[in-house]
Amino acid sequence: MSKNEWGIVILRVGLAAVFLWFGFSQLLDSVNWVSWVPEWAVNLFSIPPAMIVLLNGAFEVIAGSLLALGLFVRPVAFLLGAHLVVIALDI
């Protein structure tokens, strides 16, 4: 494996670890995450904020696991990137 290939693997696994950390945090302690749910998300989906937190946590754990395992890397990375854009812009 070349240095570039190792760099890509390290970056992929590192990002997967971040998503797994936050995903498990949301699944195991969702009460502390409810205040971070934007009002537009509650209005859009018409479900309680706690359920949004749990669904988001499950998404991040599943996508982070796929990323760590190297399965469907490009589509998962695209979804996680779009997810991060929404979070960063706080739309």
PDB file of N, CA and C in Angstrom:
ATOM      1  N   MET A   1       0.827  -1.170   0.000  1.00  0.00           N
ATOM      2  CA  MET A   1       0.000   0.000   0.000  1.00  0.00           C
ATOM      3  C   MET A   1       0.881   1.247   0.000  1.00  0.00           C
ATOM      4  N   SER A   2       0.517   2.201  -0.843  1.00  0.00           N
ATOM      5  CA  SER A   2       1.295   3.436  -0.903  1.00  0.00           C
ATOM      6  C   SER A   2       0.890   4.382   0.226  1.00  0.00           C
ATOM      7  N   LYS A   3       1.646   5.458   0.378  1.00  0.00           N
ATOM      8  CA  LYS A   3       1.345   6.438   1.413  1.00  0.00           C
ATOM      9  C   LYS A   3      -0.013   7.089   1.190  1.00  0.00           C
ATOM     10  N   ASN A   4      -0.364   7.352  -0.061  1.00  0.00           N
ATOM     11  CA  ASN A   4      -1.663   7.945  -0.364  1.00  0.00           C
ATOM     12  C   ASN A   4      -2.806   7.020   0.029  1.00  0.00           C
ATOM     13  N   GLU A   5      -2.639   5.738  -0.260  1.00  0.00           N
ATOM     14  CA  GLU A   5      -3.689   4.777   0.101  1.00  0.00           C
ATOM     15  C   GLU A   5      -3.843   4.671   1.609  1.00  0.00           C
ATOM     16  N   TRP A   6      -2.717   4.677   2.336  1.00  0.00           N
ATOM     17  CA  TRP A   6      -2.777   4.644   3.804  1.00  0.00           C
ATOM     18  C   TRP A   6      -3.454   5.898   4.347  1.00  0.00           C
ATOM     19  N   GLY A   7      -3.155   7.028   3.747  1.00  0.00           N
ATOM     20  CA  GLY A   7      -3.779   8.277   4.180  1.00  0.00           C
ATOM     21  C   GLY A   7      -5.284   8.256   4.023  1.00  0.00           C
ATOM     22  N   ILE A   8      -5.739   7.712   2.901  1.00  0.00           N
ATOM     23  CA  ILE A   8      -7.182   7.619   2.653  1.00  0.00           C
ATOM     24  C   ILE A   8      -7.837   6.681   3.659  1.00  0.00           C
ATOM     25  N   VAL A   9      -7.197   5.567   3.948  1.00  0.00           N
ATOM     26  CA  VAL A   9      -7.749   4.618   4.926  1.00  0.00           C
ATOM     27  C   VAL A   9      -7.809   5.257   6.311  1.00  0.00           C
ATOM     28  N   ILE A  10      -6.751   5.948   6.703  1.00  0.00           N
ATOM     29  CA  ILE A  10      -6.722   6.592   8.022  1.00  0.00           C
ATOM     30  C   ILE A  10      -7.799   7.673   8.112  1.00  0.00           C
ATOM     31  N   LEU A  11      -7.958   8.458   7.064  1.00  0.00           N
ATOM     32  CA  LEU A  11      -8.990   9.489   7.043  1.00  0.00           C
ATOM     33  C   LEU A  11     -10.380   8.868   7.124  1.00  0.00           C
ATOM     34  N   ARG A  12     -10.626   7.816   6.359  1.00  0.00           N
ATOM     35  CA  ARG A  12     -11.927   7.150   6.350  1.00  0.00           C
ATOM     36  C   ARG A  12     -12.264   6.577   7.713  1.00  0.00           C
ATOM     37  N   VAL A  13     -11.305   5.893   8.334  1.00  0.00           N
ATOM     38  CA  VAL A  13     -11.543   5.290   9.648  1.00  0.00           C
ATOM     39  C   VAL A  13     -11.691   6.373  10.720  1.00  0.00           C
ATOM     40  N   GLY A  14     -10.926   7.458  10.612  1.00  0.00           N
ATOM     41  CA  GLY A  14     -11.042   8.553  11.572  1.00  0.00           C
ATOM     42  C   GLY A  14     -12.404   9.228  11.514  1.00  0.00           C
ATOM     43  N   LEU A  15     -12.886   9.484  10.302  1.00  0.00           N
ATOM     44  CA  LEU A  15     -14.216  10.074  10.159  1.00  0.00           C
ATOM     45  C   LEU A  15     -15.298   9.114  10.642  1.00  0.00           C
ATOM     46  N   ALA A  16     -15.116   7.841  10.360  1.00  0.00           N
ATOM     47  CA  ALA A  16     -16.077   6.845  10.837  1.00  0.00           C
ATOM     48  C   ALA A  16     -16.129   6.846  12.363  1.00  0.00           C
ATOM     49  N   ALA A  17     -14.969   6.979  13.011  1.00  0.00           N
ATOM     50  CA  ALA A  17     -14.928   7.005  14.474  1.00  0.00           C
ATOM     51  C   ALA A  17     -15.693   8.204  15.021  1.00  0.00           C
ATOM     52  N   VAL A  18     -15.588   9.352  14.362  1.00  0.00           N
ATOM     53  CA  VAL A  18     -16.321  10.544  14.810  1.00  0.00           C
ATOM     54  C   VAL A  18     -17.826  10.307  14.710  1.00  0.00           C
ATOM     55  N   PHE A  19     -18.274   9.772  13.584  1.00  0.00           N
ATOM     56  CA  PHE A  19     -19.710   9.522  13.426  1.00  0.00           C
ATOM     57  C   PHE A  19     -20.196   8.448  14.396  1.00  0.00           C
ATOM     58  N   LEU A  20     -19.401   7.421  14.621  1.00  0.00           N
ATOM     59  CA  LEU A  20     -19.781   6.393  15.587  1.00  0.00           C
ATOM     60  C   LEU A  20     -19.858   6.971  16.995  1.00  0.00           C
ATOM     61  N   TRP A  21     -18.910   7.810  17.360  1.00  0.00           N
ATOM     62  CA  TRP A  21     -18.905   8.431  18.687  1.00  0.00           C
ATOM     63  C   TRP A  21     -20.191   9.231  18.923  1.00  0.00           C
ATOM     64  N   PHE A  22     -20.516  10.111  17.980  1.00  0.00           N
ATOM     65  CA  PHE A  22     -21.705  10.943  18.150  1.00  0.00           C
ATOM     66  C   PHE A  22     -22.987  10.127  17.987  1.00  0.00           C
ATOM     67  N   GLY A  23     -22.983   9.152  17.112  1.00  0.00           N
ATOM     68  CA  GLY A  23     -24.170   8.306  16.946  1.00  0.00           C
ATOM     69  C   GLY A  23     -24.484   7.515  18.203  1.00  0.00           C
ATOM     70  N   PHE A  24     -23.480   6.865  18.776  1.00  0.00           N
ATOM     71  CA  PHE A  24     -23.711   6.114  20.006  1.00  0.00           C
ATOM     72  C   PHE A  24     -24.066   7.048  21.158  1.00  0.00           C
ATOM     73  N   SER A  25     -23.473   8.219  21.180  1.00  0.00           N
ATOM     74  CA  SER A  25     -23.798   9.197  22.215  1.00  0.00           C
ATOM     75  C   SER A  25     -25.273   9.584  22.145  1.00  0.00           C
ATOM     76  N   GLN A  26     -25.788   9.759  20.950  1.00  0.00           N
ATOM     77  CA  GLN A  26     -27.199  10.107  20.784  1.00  0.00           C
ATOM     78  C   GLN A  26     -28.111   8.939  21.136  1.00  0.00           C
ATOM     79  N   LEU A  27     -27.686   7.733  20.824  1.00  0.00           N
ATOM     80  CA  LEU A  27     -28.513   6.567  21.145  1.00  0.00           C
ATOM     81  C   LEU A  27     -28.533   6.261  22.639  1.00  0.00           C
ATOM     82  N   LEU A  28     -27.412   6.446  23.300  1.00  0.00           N
ATOM     83  CA  LEU A  28     -27.310   6.065  24.702  1.00  0.00           C
ATOM     84  C   LEU A  28     -27.732   7.180  25.664  1.00  0.00           C
ATOM     85  N   ASP A  29     -27.702   8.428  25.224  1.00  0.00           N
ATOM     86  CA  ASP A  29     -28.048   9.549  26.094  1.00  0.00           C
ATOM     87  C   ASP A  29     -28.833  10.585  25.296  1.00  0.00           C
ATOM     88  N   SER A  30     -29.962  10.172  24.748  1.00  0.00           N
ATOM     89  CA  SER A  30     -30.710  11.035  23.831  1.00  0.00           C
ATOM     90  C   SER A  30     -31.310  12.250  24.522  1.00  0.00           C
ATOM     91  N   VAL A  31     -31.536  12.184  25.826  1.00  0.00           N
ATOM     92  CA  VAL A  31     -32.143  13.309  26.538  1.00  0.00           C
ATOM     93  C   VAL A  31     -31.276  14.565  26.434  1.00  0.00           C
ATOM     94  N   ASN A  32     -29.976  14.407  26.504  1.00  0.00           N
ATOM     95  CA  ASN A  32     -29.087  15.567  26.422  1.00  0.00           C
ATOM     96  C   ASN A  32     -28.969  16.131  25.011  1.00  0.00           C
ATOM     97  N   TRP A  33     -29.460  15.433  24.024  1.00  0.00           N
ATOM     98  CA  TRP A  33     -29.353  15.892  22.637  1.00  0.00           C
ATOM     99  C   TRP A  33     -30.631  16.544  22.124  1.00  0.00           C
ATOM    100  N   VAL A  34     -31.728  16.401  22.862  1.00  0.00           N
ATOM    101  CA  VAL A  34     -33.025  16.900  22.395  1.00  0.00           C
ATOM    102  C   VAL A  34     -32.999  18.410  22.178  1.00  0.00           C
ATOM    103  N   SER A  35     -32.295  19.132  23.008  1.00  0.00           N
ATOM    104  CA  SER A  35     -32.271  20.597  22.878  1.00  0.00           C
ATOM    105  C   SER A  35     -31.559  21.065  21.602  1.00  0.00           C
ATOM    106  N   TRP A  36     -30.806  20.187  20.969  1.00  0.00           N
ATOM    107  CA  TRP A  36     -30.096  20.544  19.736  1.00  0.00           C
ATOM    108  C   TRP A  36     -30.938  20.366  18.475  1.00  0.00           C
ATOM    109  N   VAL A  37     -32.109  19.760  18.619  1.00  0.00           N
ATOM    110  CA  VAL A  37     -32.969  19.513  17.452  1.00  0.00           C
ATOM    111  C   VAL A  37     -33.611  20.833  17.035  1.00  0.00           C
ATOM    112  N   PRO A  38     -33.413  21.237  15.775  1.00  0.00           N
ATOM    113  CA  PRO A  38     -34.002  22.511  15.341  1.00  0.00           C
ATOM    114  C   PRO A  38     -35.526  22.412  15.207  1.00  0.00           C
ATOM    115  N   GLU A  39     -36.171  23.538  15.394  1.00  0.00           N
ATOM    116  CA  GLU A  39     -37.635  23.586  15.336  1.00  0.00           C
ATOM    117  C   GLU A  39     -38.163  23.178  13.963  1.00  0.00           C
ATOM    118  N   TRP A  40     -37.417  23.533  12.897  1.00  0.00           N
ATOM    119  CA  TRP A  40     -37.885  23.181  11.556  1.00  0.00           C
ATOM    120  C   TRP A  40     -37.948  21.672  11.359  1.00  0.00           C
ATOM    121  N   ALA A  41     -37.047  20.935  12.008  1.00  0.00           N
ATOM    122  CA  ALA A  41     -37.053  19.478  11.862  1.00  0.00           C
ATOM    123  C   ALA A  41     -38.273  18.870  12.538  1.00  0.00           C
ATOM    124  N   VAL A  42     -38.641  19.404  13.682  1.00  0.00           N
ATOM    125  CA  VAL A  42     -39.835  18.916  14.382  1.00  0.00           C
ATOM    126  C   VAL A  42     -41.074  19.205  13.546  1.00  0.00           C
ATOM    127  N   ASN A  43     -41.153  20.405  12.978  1.00  0.00           N
ATOM    128  CA  ASN A  43     -42.303  20.769  12.141  1.00  0.00           C
ATOM    129  C   ASN A  43     -42.347  19.971  10.847  1.00  0.00           C
ATOM    130  N   LEU A  44     -41.185  19.714  10.264  1.00  0.00           N
ATOM    131  CA  LEU A  44     -41.124  19.003   8.983  1.00  0.00           C
ATOM    132  C   LEU A  44     -41.554  17.547   9.116  1.00  0.00           C
ATOM    133  N   PHE A  45     -41.051  16.876  10.149  1.00  0.00           N
ATOM    134  CA  PHE A  45     -41.304  15.446  10.289  1.00  0.00           C
ATOM    135  C   PHE A  45     -42.479  15.113  11.193  1.00  0.00           C
ATOM    136  N   SER A  46     -42.967  16.070  11.952  1.00  0.00           N
ATOM    137  CA  SER A  46     -44.103  15.874  12.867  1.00  0.00           C
ATOM    138  C   SER A  46     -43.906  14.694  13.811  1.00  0.00           C
ATOM    139  N   ILE A  47     -42.688  14.558  14.311  1.00  0.00           N
ATOM    140  CA  ILE A  47     -42.403  13.540  15.327  1.00  0.00           C
ATOM    141  C   ILE A  47     -41.668  14.219  16.477  1.00  0.00           C
ATOM    142  N   PRO A  48     -41.714  13.622  17.649  1.00  0.00           N
ATOM    143  CA  PRO A  48     -41.070  14.254  18.809  1.00  0.00           C
ATOM    144  C   PRO A  48     -39.557  14.403  18.611  1.00  0.00           C
ATOM    145  N   PRO A  49     -38.972  15.428  19.217  1.00  0.00           N
ATOM    146  CA  PRO A  49     -37.524  15.644  19.095  1.00  0.00           C
ATOM    147  C   PRO A  49     -36.693  14.445  19.561  1.00  0.00           C
ATOM    148  N   ALA A  50     -37.156  13.743  20.589  1.00  0.00           N
ATOM    149  CA  ALA A  50     -36.412  12.571  21.074  1.00  0.00           C
ATOM    150  C   ALA A  50     -36.322  11.497  19.998  1.00  0.00           C
ATOM    151  N   MET A  51     -37.372  11.339  19.211  1.00  0.00           N
ATOM    152  CA  MET A  51     -37.357  10.347  18.130  1.00  0.00           C
ATOM    153  C   MET A  51     -36.410  10.785  17.019  1.00  0.00           C
ATOM    154  N   ILE A  52     -36.359  12.078  16.752  1.00  0.00           N
ATOM    155  CA  ILE A  52     -35.425  12.591  15.743  1.00  0.00           C
ATOM    156  C   ILE A  52     -33.995  12.315  16.176  1.00  0.00           C
ATOM    157  N   VAL A  53     -33.708  12.513  17.452  1.00  0.00           N
ATOM    158  CA  VAL A  53     -32.363  12.249  17.970  1.00  0.00           C
ATOM    159  C   VAL A  53     -32.015  10.771  17.815  1.00  0.00           C
ATOM    160  N   LEU A  54     -32.951   9.888  18.162  1.00  0.00           N
ATOM    161  CA  LEU A  54     -32.689   8.452  18.047  1.00  0.00           C
ATOM    162  C   LEU A  54     -32.499   8.027  16.590  1.00  0.00           C
ATOM    163  N   LEU A  55     -33.315   8.556  15.700  1.00  0.00           N
ATOM    164  CA  LEU A  55     -33.163   8.219  14.278  1.00  0.00           C
ATOM    165  C   LEU A  55     -31.847   8.756  13.725  1.00  0.00           C
ATOM    166  N   ASN A  56     -31.474   9.958  14.135  1.00  0.00           N
ATOM    167  CA  ASN A  56     -30.199  10.524  13.691  1.00  0.00           C
ATOM    168  C   ASN A  56     -29.037   9.701  14.230  1.00  0.00           C
ATOM    169  N   GLY A  57     -29.125   9.287  15.481  1.00  0.00           N
ATOM    170  CA  GLY A  57     -28.076   8.456  16.066  1.00  0.00           C
ATOM    171  C   GLY A  57     -27.948   7.126  15.347  1.00  0.00           C
ATOM    172  N   ALA A  58     -29.084   6.513  15.024  1.00  0.00           N
ATOM    173  CA  ALA A  58     -29.054   5.238  14.301  1.00  0.00           C
ATOM    174  C   ALA A  58     -28.440   5.421  12.916  1.00  0.00           C
ATOM    175  N   PHE A  59     -28.814   6.521  12.237  1.00  0.00           N
ATOM    176  CA  PHE A  59     -28.239   6.805  10.920  1.00  0.00           C
ATOM    177  C   PHE A  59     -26.726   6.951  11.009  1.00  0.00           C
ATOM    178  N   GLU A  60     -26.257   7.709  12.010  1.00  0.00           N
ATOM    179  CA  GLU A  60     -24.822   7.940  12.132  1.00  0.00           C
ATOM    180  C   GLU A  60     -24.071   6.666  12.497  1.00  0.00           C
ATOM    181  N   VAL A  61     -24.662   5.801  13.313  1.00  0.00           N
ATOM    182  CA  VAL A  61     -24.007   4.538  13.666  1.00  0.00           C
ATOM    183  C   VAL A  61     -23.939   3.616  12.452  1.00  0.00           C
ATOM    184  N   ILE A  62     -25.030   3.501  11.732  1.00  0.00           N
ATOM    185  CA  ILE A  62     -25.050   2.621  10.552  1.00  0.00           C
ATOM    186  C   ILE A  62     -24.096   3.145   9.479  1.00  0.00           C
ATOM    187  N   ALA A  63     -24.186   4.438   9.180  1.00  0.00           N
ATOM    188  CA  ALA A  63     -23.322   5.010   8.143  1.00  0.00           C
ATOM    189  C   ALA A  63     -21.858   4.991   8.576  1.00  0.00           C
ATOM    190  N   GLY A  64     -21.590   5.283   9.837  1.00  0.00           N
ATOM    191  CA  GLY A  64     -20.216   5.232  10.340  1.00  0.00           C
ATOM    192  C   GLY A  64     -19.642   3.824  10.285  1.00  0.00           C
ATOM    193  N   SER A  65     -20.467   2.841  10.583  1.00  0.00           N
ATOM    194  CA  SER A  65     -20.021   1.444  10.507  1.00  0.00           C
ATOM    195  C   SER A  65     -19.694   1.047   9.070  1.00  0.00           C
ATOM    196  N   LEU A  66     -20.564   1.435   8.138  1.00  0.00           N
ATOM    197  CA  LEU A  66     -20.305   1.134   6.729  1.00  0.00           C
ATOM    198  C   LEU A  66     -19.024   1.814   6.255  1.00  0.00           C
ATOM    199  N   LEU A  67     -18.822   3.043   6.694  1.00  0.00           N
ATOM    200  CA  LEU A  67     -17.615   3.773   6.320  1.00  0.00           C
ATOM    201  C   LEU A  67     -16.374   3.092   6.895  1.00  0.00           C
ATOM    202  N   ALA A  68     -16.446   2.674   8.150  1.00  0.00           N
ATOM    203  CA  ALA A  68     -15.300   2.017   8.790  1.00  0.00           C
ATOM    204  C   ALA A  68     -14.977   0.690   8.119  1.00  0.00           C
ATOM    205  N   LEU A  69     -16.008  -0.031   7.692  1.00  0.00           N
ATOM    206  CA  LEU A  69     -15.805  -1.324   7.047  1.00  0.00           C
ATOM    207  C   LEU A  69     -15.417  -1.199   5.575  1.00  0.00           C
ATOM    208  N   GLY A  70     -15.562  -0.008   5.026  1.00  0.00           N
ATOM    209  CA  GLY A  70     -15.214   0.197   3.624  1.00  0.00           C
ATOM    210  C   GLY A  70     -16.284  -0.275   2.661  1.00  0.00           C
ATOM    211  N   LEU A  71     -17.525  -0.328   3.129  1.00  0.00           N
ATOM    212  CA  LEU A  71     -18.641  -0.771   2.288  1.00  0.00           C
ATOM    213  C   LEU A  71     -19.426   0.443   1.797  1.00  0.00           C
ATOM    214  N   PHE A  72     -19.711   0.486   0.510  1.00  0.00           N
ATOM    215  CA  PHE A  72     -20.477   1.584  -0.095  1.00  0.00           C
ATOM    216  C   PHE A  72     -19.892   2.946   0.292  1.00  0.00           C
ATOM    217  N   VAL A  73     -18.587   3.061   0.223  1.00  0.00           N
ATOM    218  CA  VAL A  73     -17.890   4.238   0.744  1.00  0.00           C
ATOM    219  C   VAL A  73     -18.363   5.527   0.079  1.00  0.00           C
ATOM    220  N   ARG A  74     -18.443   5.561  -1.223  1.00  0.00           N
ATOM    221  CA  ARG A  74     -18.802   6.815  -1.899  1.00  0.00           C
ATOM    222  C   ARG A  74     -20.236   7.258  -1.604  1.00  0.00           C
ATOM    223  N   PRO A  75     -21.235   6.383  -1.719  1.00  0.00           N
ATOM    224  CA  PRO A  75     -22.593   6.852  -1.397  1.00  0.00           C
ATOM    225  C   PRO A  75     -22.750   7.223   0.079  1.00  0.00           C
ATOM    226  N   VAL A  76     -22.133   6.451   0.968  1.00  0.00           N
ATOM    227  CA  VAL A  76     -22.217   6.751   2.398  1.00  0.00           C
ATOM    228  C   VAL A  76     -21.511   8.057   2.702  1.00  0.00           C
ATOM    229  N   ALA A  77     -20.349   8.277   2.106  1.00  0.00           N
ATOM    230  CA  ALA A  77     -19.618   9.529   2.318  1.00  0.00           C
ATOM    231  C   ALA A  77     -20.423  10.715   1.802  1.00  0.00           C
ATOM    232  N   PHE A  78     -21.109  10.545   0.687  1.00  0.00           N
ATOM    233  CA  PHE A  78     -21.959  11.618   0.159  1.00  0.00           C
ATOM    234  C   PHE A  78     -23.084  11.942   1.136  1.00  0.00           C
ATOM    235  N   LEU A  79     -23.767  10.906   1.642  1.00  0.00           N
ATOM    236  CA  LEU A  79     -24.855  11.128   2.598  1.00  0.00           C
ATOM    237  C   LEU A  79     -24.356  11.789   3.883  1.00  0.00           C
ATOM    238  N   LEU A  80     -23.229  11.315   4.389  1.00  0.00           N
ATOM    239  CA  LEU A  80     -22.679  11.900   5.607  1.00  0.00           C
ATOM    240  C   LEU A  80     -22.199  13.334   5.370  1.00  0.00           C
ATOM    241  N   GLY A  81     -21.664  13.596   4.198  1.00  0.00           N
ATOM    242  CA  GLY A  81     -21.258  14.961   3.867  1.00  0.00           C
ATOM    243  C   GLY A  81     -22.452  15.900   3.811  1.00  0.00           C
ATOM    244  N   ALA A  82     -23.532  15.461   3.172  1.00  0.00           N
ATOM    245  CA  ALA A  82     -24.753  16.271   3.120  1.00  0.00           C
ATOM    246  C   ALA A  82     -25.312  16.472   4.528  1.00  0.00           C
ATOM    247  N   HIS A  83     -25.233  15.440   5.339  1.00  0.00           N
ATOM    248  CA  HIS A  83     -25.679  15.507   6.731  1.00  0.00           C
ATOM    249  C   HIS A  83     -24.879  16.561   7.490  1.00  0.00           C
ATOM    250  N   LEU A  84     -23.584  16.589   7.292  1.00  0.00           N
ATOM    251  CA  LEU A  84     -22.731  17.565   7.960  1.00  0.00           C
ATOM    252  C   LEU A  84     -22.993  18.990   7.469  1.00  0.00           C
ATOM    253  N   VAL A  85     -23.312  19.145   6.198  1.00  0.00           N
ATOM    254  CA  VAL A  85     -23.619  20.478   5.675  1.00  0.00           C
ATOM    255  C   VAL A  85     -24.868  21.031   6.357  1.00  0.00           C
ATOM    256  N   VAL A  86     -25.897  20.215   6.503  1.00  0.00           N
ATOM    257  CA  VAL A  86     -27.117  20.647   7.185  1.00  0.00           C
ATOM    258  C   VAL A  86     -26.814  21.015   8.629  1.00  0.00           C
ATOM    259  N   ILE A  87     -25.995  20.206   9.303  1.00  0.00           N
ATOM    260  CA  ILE A  87     -25.646  20.499  10.696  1.00  0.00           C
ATOM    261  C   ILE A  87     -24.809  21.779  10.786  1.00  0.00           C
ATOM    262  N   ALA A  88     -23.834  21.929   9.912  1.00  0.00           N
ATOM    263  CA  ALA A  88     -22.942  23.086   9.959  1.00  0.00           C
ATOM    264  C   ALA A  88     -23.685  24.390   9.654  1.00  0.00           C
ATOM    265  N   LEU A  89     -24.608  24.346   8.716  1.00  0.00           N
ATOM    266  CA  LEU A  89     -25.349  25.554   8.354  1.00  0.00           C
ATOM    267  C   LEU A  89     -26.495  25.810   9.307  1.00  0.00           C
ATOM    268  N   ASP A  90     -26.869  24.798  10.087  1.00  0.00           N
ATOM    269  CA  ASP A  90     -27.982  24.899  11.029  1.00  0.00           C
ATOM    270  C   ASP A  90     -29.222  25.445  10.345  1.00  0.00           C
ATOM    271  N   ILE A  91     -29.490  24.847   9.185  1.00  0.00           N
ATOM    272  CA  ILE A  91     -30.628  25.280   8.361  1.00  0.00           C
ATOM    273  C   ILE A  91     -31.920  24.921   9.067  1.00  0.00           C
TER     274      ILE A  91
END
